Structure formats: structure tokens, C-alpha cells
PDB file of N, CA and C in Angstrom:
ATOM      1  N   UNK A   1       0.839  -1.189   0.000  1.00  0.00           N
ATOM      2  CA  UNK A   1       0.000   0.000   0.000  1.00  0.00           C
ATOM      3  C   UNK A   1       0.884   1.252   0.000  1.00  0.00           C
ATOM      4  N   UNK A   2       0.495   2.228  -0.800  1.00  0.00           N
ATOM      5  CA  UNK A   2       1.275   3.454  -0.919  1.00  0.00           C
ATOM      6  C   UNK A   2       0.950   4.400   0.228  1.00  0.00           C
ATOM      7  N   UNK A   3       1.967   5.139   0.662  1.00  0.00           N
ATOM      8  CA  UNK A   3       1.745   6.181   1.650  1.00  0.00           C
ATOM      9  C   UNK A   3       0.991   7.339   1.005  1.00  0.00           C
ATOM     10  N   UNK A   4       0.886   8.443   1.725  1.00  0.00           N
ATOM     11  CA  UNK A   4       0.179   9.622   1.198  1.00  0.00           C
ATOM     12  C   UNK A   4       0.693   9.992  -0.198  1.00  0.00           C
ATOM     13  N   UNK A   5      -0.250  10.187  -1.122  1.00  0.00           N
ATOM     14  CA  UNK A   5       0.112  10.539  -2.503  1.00  0.00           C
ATOM     15  C   UNK A   5      -0.176  11.994  -2.766  1.00  0.00           C
ATOM     16  N   UNK A   6       0.623  12.563  -3.656  1.00  0.00           N
ATOM     17  CA  UNK A   6       0.424  13.942  -4.069  1.00  0.00           C
ATOM     18  C   UNK A   6       0.436  14.006  -5.589  1.00  0.00           C
ATOM     19  N   UNK A   7      -0.396  14.888  -6.197  1.00  0.00           N
ATOM     20  CA  UNK A   7      -0.294  15.073  -7.646  1.00  0.00           C
ATOM     21  C   UNK A   7       1.103  15.596  -7.991  1.00  0.00           C
ATOM     22  N   UNK A   8       1.708  14.993  -9.014  1.00  0.00           N
ATOM     23  CA  UNK A   8       3.086  15.332  -9.367  1.00  0.00           C
ATOM     24  C   UNK A   8       3.148  16.072 -10.698  1.00  0.00           C
ATOM     25  N   UNK A   9       2.538  15.505 -11.729  1.00  0.00           N
ATOM     26  CA  UNK A   9       2.619  16.047 -13.088  1.00  0.00           C
ATOM     27  C   UNK A   9       1.264  15.937 -13.760  1.00  0.00           C
ATOM     28  N   UNK A  10       0.875  16.971 -14.477  1.00  0.00           N
ATOM     29  CA  UNK A  10      -0.319  16.914 -15.317  1.00  0.00           C
ATOM     30  C   UNK A  10       0.062  16.229 -16.626  1.00  0.00           C
ATOM     31  N   UNK A  11      -0.755  15.297 -17.055  1.00  0.00           N
ATOM     32  CA  UNK A  11      -0.499  14.554 -18.290  1.00  0.00           C
ATOM     33  C   UNK A  11      -1.386  15.080 -19.407  1.00  0.00           C
ATOM     34  N   UNK A  12      -0.830  15.120 -20.618  1.00  0.00           N
ATOM     35  CA  UNK A  12      -1.566  15.690 -21.752  1.00  0.00           C
ATOM     36  C   UNK A  12      -2.460  14.689 -22.469  1.00  0.00           C
ATOM     37  N   UNK A  13      -2.080  13.402 -22.435  1.00  0.00           N
ATOM     38  CA  UNK A  13      -2.871  12.406 -23.163  1.00  0.00           C
ATOM     39  C   UNK A  13      -2.510  11.000 -22.696  1.00  0.00           C
ATOM     40  N   UNK A  14      -3.235  10.012 -23.201  1.00  0.00           N
ATOM     41  CA  UNK A  14      -3.038   8.627 -22.774  1.00  0.00           C
ATOM     42  C   UNK A  14      -1.684   8.079 -23.202  1.00  0.00           C
ATOM     43  N   UNK A  15      -1.203   8.471 -24.362  1.00  0.00           N
ATOM     44  CA  UNK A  15       0.104   7.995 -24.832  1.00  0.00           C
ATOM     45  C   UNK A  15       1.200   8.451 -23.874  1.00  0.00           C
ATOM     46  N   UNK A  16       1.170   9.710 -23.517  1.00  0.00           N
ATOM     47  CA  UNK A  16       2.133  10.247 -22.566  1.00  0.00           C
ATOM     48  C   UNK A  16       2.029   9.497 -21.226  1.00  0.00           C
ATOM     49  N   UNK A  17       0.808   9.239 -20.782  1.00  0.00           N
ATOM     50  CA  UNK A  17       0.602   8.521 -19.523  1.00  0.00           C
ATOM     51  C   UNK A  17       1.190   7.115 -19.577  1.00  0.00           C
ATOM     52  N   UNK A  18       0.965   6.407 -20.664  1.00  0.00           N
ATOM     53  CA  UNK A  18       1.482   5.034 -20.778  1.00  0.00           C
ATOM     54  C   UNK A  18       3.008   4.989 -20.857  1.00  0.00           C
ATOM     55  N   UNK A  19       3.593   5.927 -21.576  1.00  0.00           N
ATOM     56  CA  UNK A  19       5.059   5.975 -21.659  1.00  0.00           C
ATOM     57  C   UNK A  19       5.678   6.267 -20.297  1.00  0.00           C
ATOM     58  N   UNK A  20       5.131   7.242 -19.602  1.00  0.00           N
ATOM     59  CA  UNK A  20       5.648   7.579 -18.280  1.00  0.00           C
ATOM     60  C   UNK A  20       5.447   6.403 -17.327  1.00  0.00           C
ATOM     61  N   UNK A  21       4.297   5.776 -17.393  1.00  0.00           N
ATOM     62  CA  UNK A  21       4.021   4.632 -16.527  1.00  0.00           C
ATOM     63  C   UNK A  21       5.050   3.516 -16.750  1.00  0.00           C
ATOM     64  N   UNK A  22       5.405   3.244 -17.988  1.00  0.00           N
ATOM     65  CA  UNK A  22       6.394   2.207 -18.287  1.00  0.00           C
ATOM     66  C   UNK A  22       7.745   2.537 -17.651  1.00  0.00           C
ATOM     67  N   UNK A  23       8.150   3.785 -17.727  1.00  0.00           N
ATOM     68  CA  UNK A  23       9.432   4.195 -17.133  1.00  0.00           C
ATOM     69  C   UNK A  23       9.382   4.107 -15.604  1.00  0.00           C
ATOM     70  N   UNK A  24       8.273   4.515 -15.024  1.00  0.00           N
ATOM     71  CA  UNK A  24       8.153   4.462 -13.564  1.00  0.00           C
ATOM     72  C   UNK A  24       8.125   3.021 -13.067  1.00  0.00           C
ATOM     73  N   UNK A  25       7.453   2.154 -13.786  1.00  0.00           N
ATOM     74  CA  UNK A  25       7.429   0.739 -13.415  1.00  0.00           C
ATOM     75  C   UNK A  25       8.816   0.109 -13.553  1.00  0.00           C
ATOM     76  N   UNK A  26       9.562   0.491 -14.578  1.00  0.00           N
ATOM     77  CA  UNK A  26      10.910  -0.041 -14.777  1.00  0.00           C
ATOM     78  C   UNK A  26      11.821   0.334 -13.611  1.00  0.00           C
ATOM     79  N   UNK A  27      11.606   1.510 -13.036  1.00  0.00           N
ATOM     80  CA  UNK A  27      12.408   1.951 -11.887  1.00  0.00           C
ATOM     81  C   UNK A  27      11.750   1.590 -10.552  1.00  0.00           C
ATOM     82  N   UNK A  28      10.633   0.858 -10.621  1.00  0.00           N
ATOM     83  CA  UNK A  28       9.894   0.426  -9.436  1.00  0.00           C
ATOM     84  C   UNK A  28       9.513   1.599  -8.525  1.00  0.00           C
ATOM     85  N   UNK A  29       9.060   2.676  -9.158  1.00  0.00           N
ATOM     86  CA  UNK A  29       8.599   3.858  -8.429  1.00  0.00           C
ATOM     87  C   UNK A  29       7.091   3.721  -8.215  1.00  0.00           C
ATOM     88  N   UNK A  30       6.643   3.729  -6.963  1.00  0.00           N
ATOM     89  CA  UNK A  30       5.201   3.615  -6.720  1.00  0.00           C
ATOM     90  C   UNK A  30       4.477   4.866  -7.222  1.00  0.00           C
ATOM     91  N   UNK A  31       3.380   4.636  -7.913  1.00  0.00           N
ATOM     92  CA  UNK A  31       2.640   5.749  -8.502  1.00  0.00           C
ATOM     93  C   UNK A  31       1.236   5.303  -8.881  1.00  0.00           C
ATOM     94  N   UNK A  32       0.396   6.280  -9.172  1.00  0.00           N
ATOM     95  CA  UNK A  32      -0.944   6.032  -9.682  1.00  0.00           C
ATOM     96  C   UNK A  32      -1.184   7.038 -10.800  1.00  0.00           C
ATOM     97  N   UNK A  33      -1.659   6.546 -11.935  1.00  0.00           N
ATOM     98  CA  UNK A  33      -2.057   7.414 -13.042  1.00  0.00           C
ATOM     99  C   UNK A  33      -3.558   7.665 -12.874  1.00  0.00           C
ATOM    100  N   UNK A  34      -3.947   8.919 -12.780  1.00  0.00           N
ATOM    101  CA  UNK A  34      -5.348   9.279 -12.574  1.00  0.00           C
ATOM    102  C   UNK A  34      -5.866   9.978 -13.829  1.00  0.00           C
ATOM    103  N   UNK A  35      -6.805   9.333 -14.496  1.00  0.00           N
ATOM    104  CA  UNK A  35      -7.435   9.911 -15.683  1.00  0.00           C
ATOM    105  C   UNK A  35      -8.692  10.657 -15.246  1.00  0.00           C
ATOM    106  N   UNK A  36      -8.976  11.755 -15.909  1.00  0.00           N
ATOM    107  CA  UNK A  36     -10.211  12.497 -15.623  1.00  0.00           C
ATOM    108  C   UNK A  36     -11.360  12.065 -16.540  1.00  0.00           C
ATOM    109  N   UNK A  37     -11.155  10.997 -17.279  1.00  0.00           N
ATOM    110  CA  UNK A  37     -12.202  10.514 -18.181  1.00  0.00           C
ATOM    111  C   UNK A  37     -13.401  10.022 -17.382  1.00  0.00           C
ATOM    112  N   UNK A  38     -14.566  10.367 -17.825  1.00  0.00           N
ATOM    113  CA  UNK A  38     -15.807   9.895 -17.226  1.00  0.00           C
ATOM    114  C   UNK A  38     -16.786   9.660 -18.361  1.00  0.00           C
ATOM    115  N   UNK A  39     -17.072   8.395 -18.638  1.00  0.00           N
ATOM    116  CA  UNK A  39     -17.928   8.081 -19.782  1.00  0.00           C
ATOM    117  C   UNK A  39     -19.346   8.630 -19.619  1.00  0.00           C
ATOM    118  N   UNK A  40     -19.798   8.823 -18.400  1.00  0.00           N
ATOM    119  CA  UNK A  40     -21.141   9.366 -18.189  1.00  0.00           C
ATOM    120  C   UNK A  40     -21.244  10.810 -18.682  1.00  0.00           C
ATOM    121  N   UNK A  41     -20.125  11.522 -18.662  1.00  0.00           N
ATOM    122  CA  UNK A  41     -20.130  12.915 -19.098  1.00  0.00           C
ATOM    123  C   UNK A  41     -19.326  13.108 -20.383  1.00  0.00           C
ATOM    124  N   UNK A  42     -19.158  12.081 -21.149  1.00  0.00           N
ATOM    125  CA  UNK A  42     -18.421  12.102 -22.416  1.00  0.00           C
ATOM    126  C   UNK A  42     -17.102  12.861 -22.347  1.00  0.00           C
ATOM    127  N   UNK A  43     -16.344  12.580 -21.320  1.00  0.00           N
ATOM    128  CA  UNK A  43     -14.977  13.105 -21.164  1.00  0.00           C
ATOM    129  C   UNK A  43     -14.906  14.629 -21.077  1.00  0.00           C
ATOM    130  N   UNK A  44     -15.974  15.258 -20.674  1.00  0.00           N
ATOM    131  CA  UNK A  44     -15.961  16.724 -20.597  1.00  0.00           C
ATOM    132  C   UNK A  44     -14.923  17.230 -19.593  1.00  0.00           C
ATOM    133  N   UNK A  45     -14.658  16.449 -18.543  1.00  0.00           N
ATOM    134  CA  UNK A  45     -13.671  16.878 -17.558  1.00  0.00           C
ATOM    135  C   UNK A  45     -12.267  16.879 -18.151  1.00  0.00           C
ATOM    136  N   UNK A  46     -11.976  15.954 -19.056  1.00  0.00           N
ATOM    137  CA  UNK A  46     -10.679  15.945 -19.718  1.00  0.00           C
ATOM    138  C   UNK A  46     -10.528  17.166 -20.616  1.00  0.00           C
ATOM    139  N   UNK A  47     -11.571  17.571 -21.255  1.00  0.00           N
ATOM    140  CA  UNK A  47     -11.512  18.746 -22.128  1.00  0.00           C
ATOM    141  C   UNK A  47     -11.272  20.002 -21.291  1.00  0.00           C
ATOM    142  N   UNK A  48     -11.952  20.097 -20.167  1.00  0.00           N
ATOM    143  CA  UNK A  48     -11.850  21.302 -19.338  1.00  0.00           C
ATOM    144  C   UNK A  48     -10.613  21.310 -18.438  1.00  0.00           C
ATOM    145  N   UNK A  49     -10.250  20.161 -17.882  1.00  0.00           N
ATOM    146  CA  UNK A  49      -9.207  20.110 -16.854  1.00  0.00           C
ATOM    147  C   UNK A  49      -7.918  19.426 -17.287  1.00  0.00           C
ATOM    148  N   UNK A  50      -7.912  18.805 -18.451  1.00  0.00           N
ATOM    149  CA  UNK A  50      -6.745  18.072 -18.910  1.00  0.00           C
ATOM    150  C   UNK A  50      -6.946  16.572 -18.781  1.00  0.00           C
ATOM    151  N   UNK A  51      -6.088  15.798 -19.419  1.00  0.00           N
ATOM    152  CA  UNK A  51      -6.266  14.351 -19.477  1.00  0.00           C
ATOM    153  C   UNK A  51      -6.233  13.708 -18.098  1.00  0.00           C
ATOM    154  N   UNK A  52      -5.254  14.067 -17.290  1.00  0.00           N
ATOM    155  CA  UNK A  52      -5.127  13.464 -15.969  1.00  0.00           C
ATOM    156  C   UNK A  52      -3.794  13.834 -15.346  1.00  0.00           C
ATOM    157  N   UNK A  53      -3.391  13.078 -14.321  1.00  0.00           N
ATOM    158  CA  UNK A  53      -2.133  13.371 -13.652  1.00  0.00           C
ATOM    159  C   UNK A  53      -1.540  12.120 -13.022  1.00  0.00           C
ATOM    160  N   UNK A  54      -0.318  12.259 -12.530  1.00  0.00           N
ATOM    161  CA  UNK A  54       0.373  11.196 -11.815  1.00  0.00           C
ATOM    162  C   UNK A  54       0.392  11.566 -10.336  1.00  0.00           C
ATOM    163  N   UNK A  55       0.090  10.595  -9.489  1.00  0.00           N
ATOM    164  CA  UNK A  55       0.217  10.780  -8.046  1.00  0.00           C
ATOM    165  C   UNK A  55       1.291   9.842  -7.536  1.00  0.00           C
ATOM    166  N   UNK A  56       2.049  10.304  -6.527  1.00  0.00           N
ATOM    167  CA  UNK A  56       3.121   9.484  -5.956  1.00  0.00           C
ATOM    168  C   UNK A  56       3.466   9.993  -4.570  1.00  0.00           C
ATOM    169  N   UNK A  57       4.114   9.158  -3.759  1.00  0.00           N
ATOM    170  CA  UNK A  57       4.581   9.616  -2.446  1.00  0.00           C
ATOM    171  C   UNK A  57       5.631  10.717  -2.608  1.00  0.00           C
ATOM    172  N   UNK A  58       5.712  11.570  -1.598  1.00  0.00           N
ATOM    173  CA  UNK A  58       6.632  12.716  -1.613  1.00  0.00           C
ATOM    174  C   UNK A  58       8.061  12.356  -1.984  1.00  0.00           C
ATOM    175  N   UNK A  59       8.551  11.260  -1.472  1.00  0.00           N
ATOM    176  CA  UNK A  59       9.968  10.932  -1.681  1.00  0.00           C
ATOM    177  C   UNK A  59      10.321  10.604  -3.134  1.00  0.00           C
ATOM    178  N   UNK A  60       9.326  10.417  -3.998  1.00  0.00           N
ATOM    179  CA  UNK A  60       9.581  10.094  -5.401  1.00  0.00           C
ATOM    180  C   UNK A  60       9.290  11.248  -6.360  1.00  0.00           C
ATOM    181  N   UNK A  61       8.777  12.350  -5.838  1.00  0.00           N
ATOM    182  CA  UNK A  61       8.330  13.459  -6.683  1.00  0.00           C
ATOM    183  C   UNK A  61       9.447  13.976  -7.588  1.00  0.00           C
ATOM    184  N   UNK A  62      10.596  14.271  -7.033  1.00  0.00           N
ATOM    185  CA  UNK A  62      11.687  14.832  -7.839  1.00  0.00           C
ATOM    186  C   UNK A  62      12.146  13.861  -8.920  1.00  0.00           C
ATOM    187  N   UNK A  63      12.258  12.588  -8.601  1.00  0.00           N
ATOM    188  CA  UNK A  63      12.697  11.607  -9.605  1.00  0.00           C
ATOM    189  C   UNK A  63      11.676  11.491 -10.733  1.00  0.00           C
ATOM    190  N   UNK A  64      10.403  11.521 -10.405  1.00  0.00           N
ATOM    191  CA  UNK A  64       9.363  11.450 -11.435  1.00  0.00           C
ATOM    192  C   UNK A  64       9.435  12.671 -12.346  1.00  0.00           C
ATOM    193  N   UNK A  65       9.643  13.831 -11.775  1.00  0.00           N
ATOM    194  CA  UNK A  65       9.769  15.051 -12.588  1.00  0.00           C
ATOM    195  C   UNK A  65      10.995  14.989 -13.495  1.00  0.00           C
ATOM    196  N   UNK A  66      12.088  14.420 -13.010  1.00  0.00           N
ATOM    197  CA  UNK A  66      13.287  14.260 -13.842  1.00  0.00           C
ATOM    198  C   UNK A  66      13.014  13.327 -15.019  1.00  0.00           C
ATOM    199  N   UNK A  67      12.357  12.211 -14.746  1.00  0.00           N
ATOM    200  CA  UNK A  67      12.030  11.254 -15.814  1.00  0.00           C
ATOM    201  C   UNK A  67      11.134  11.911 -16.850  1.00  0.00           C
ATOM    202  N   UNK A  68      10.113  12.619 -16.388  1.00  0.00           N
ATOM    203  CA  UNK A  68       9.185  13.293 -17.303  1.00  0.00           C
ATOM    204  C   UNK A  68       9.925  14.309 -18.164  1.00  0.00           C
ATOM    205  N   UNK A  69      10.772  15.099 -17.544  1.00  0.00           N
ATOM    206  CA  UNK A  69      11.527  16.115 -18.285  1.00  0.00           C
ATOM    207  C   UNK A  69      12.411  15.462 -19.339  1.00  0.00           C
ATOM    208  N   UNK A  70      13.090  14.388 -18.980  1.00  0.00           N
ATOM    209  CA  UNK A  70      13.942  13.686 -19.933  1.00  0.00           C
ATOM    210  C   UNK A  70      13.148  13.133 -21.111  1.00  0.00           C
ATOM    211  N   UNK A  71      11.928  12.686 -20.836  1.00  0.00           N
ATOM    212  CA  UNK A  71      11.114  12.063 -21.878  1.00  0.00           C
ATOM    213  C   UNK A  71      10.405  13.065 -22.779  1.00  0.00           C
ATOM    214  N   UNK A  72       9.859  14.136 -22.210  1.00  0.00           N
ATOM    215  CA  UNK A  72       8.922  14.958 -22.957  1.00  0.00           C
ATOM    216  C   UNK A  72       9.319  16.413 -23.159  1.00  0.00           C
ATOM    217  N   UNK A  73      10.035  17.003 -22.260  1.00  0.00           N
ATOM    218  CA  UNK A  73      10.286  18.435 -22.378  1.00  0.00           C
ATOM    219  C   UNK A  73      11.204  18.799 -23.531  1.00  0.00           C
ATOM    220  N   UNK A  74      12.020  17.872 -24.002  1.00  0.00           N
ATOM    221  CA  UNK A  74      12.847  18.160 -25.168  1.00  0.00           C
ATOM    222  C   UNK A  74      11.990  18.263 -26.432  1.00  0.00           C
ATOM    223  N   UNK A  75      10.780  17.700 -26.393  1.00  0.00           N
ATOM    224  CA  UNK A  75       9.848  17.761 -27.535  1.00  0.00           C
ATOM    225  C   UNK A  75       9.002  19.027 -27.537  1.00  0.00           C
ATOM    226  N   UNK A  76       9.055  19.821 -26.472  1.00  0.00           N
ATOM    227  CA  UNK A  76       8.156  20.975 -26.320  1.00  0.00           C
ATOM    228  C   UNK A  76       8.326  22.000 -27.456  1.00  0.00           C
ATOM    229  N   UNK A  77       9.521  22.175 -27.966  1.00  0.00           N
ATOM    230  CA  UNK A  77       9.752  23.146 -29.012  1.00  0.00           C
ATOM    231  C   UNK A  77       9.255  22.697 -30.375  1.00  0.00           C
ATOM    232  N   UNK A  78       8.794  21.463 -30.484  1.00  0.00           N
ATOM    233  CA  UNK A  78       8.356  20.933 -31.778  1.00  0.00           C
ATOM    234  C   UNK A  78       6.879  21.190 -32.050  1.00  0.00           C
ATOM    235  N   UNK A  79       6.112  21.620 -31.044  1.00  0.00           N
ATOM    236  CA  UNK A  79       4.658  21.819 -31.217  1.00  0.00           C
ATOM    237  C   UNK A  79       4.350  22.979 -32.122  1.00  0.00           C
TER     238      UNK A  79
END
């Protein structure tokens, strides 16, 4: 069971979430991917608030941010 979790990073889409999840699992970092999808409301929360986020215990926050930056922030200038 995970200790207290905190939102760490906002995720833009499911592909980004799955890639990050694979890296976190490879490093055995405890985490939860939280999607804002709700089929009853046809994903309106994802449109308004974003796809979702990653939650993790405090002691892993910095490492998760480093992994995310290594994976995605170098692509930011390509949009």
C-alpha cells in the first residue's frame, strides 16, 4: 500500500501517460495514473481540466519530474 500521494505532473494524453508509466514501473517507483475521463459525461472533464495526472509519495516526486523532463520536455519546441 502506498503512503500519502500527491499530484506530481499533469499529463496531456493517454500515450504520454502510458510511456511515463512504463518508465516508472521499470524503476519500481510507486505511482498512480489518474485519468479524468468519465464516460457518463463524455470526457468533458478531460476537455476542461486536462487528461489526468500522476500521483506518488513525496519521496519520489523529484525523480518522477526528472524522468518526465527527460522524456517529454525536449519535444516541447516541436509543437
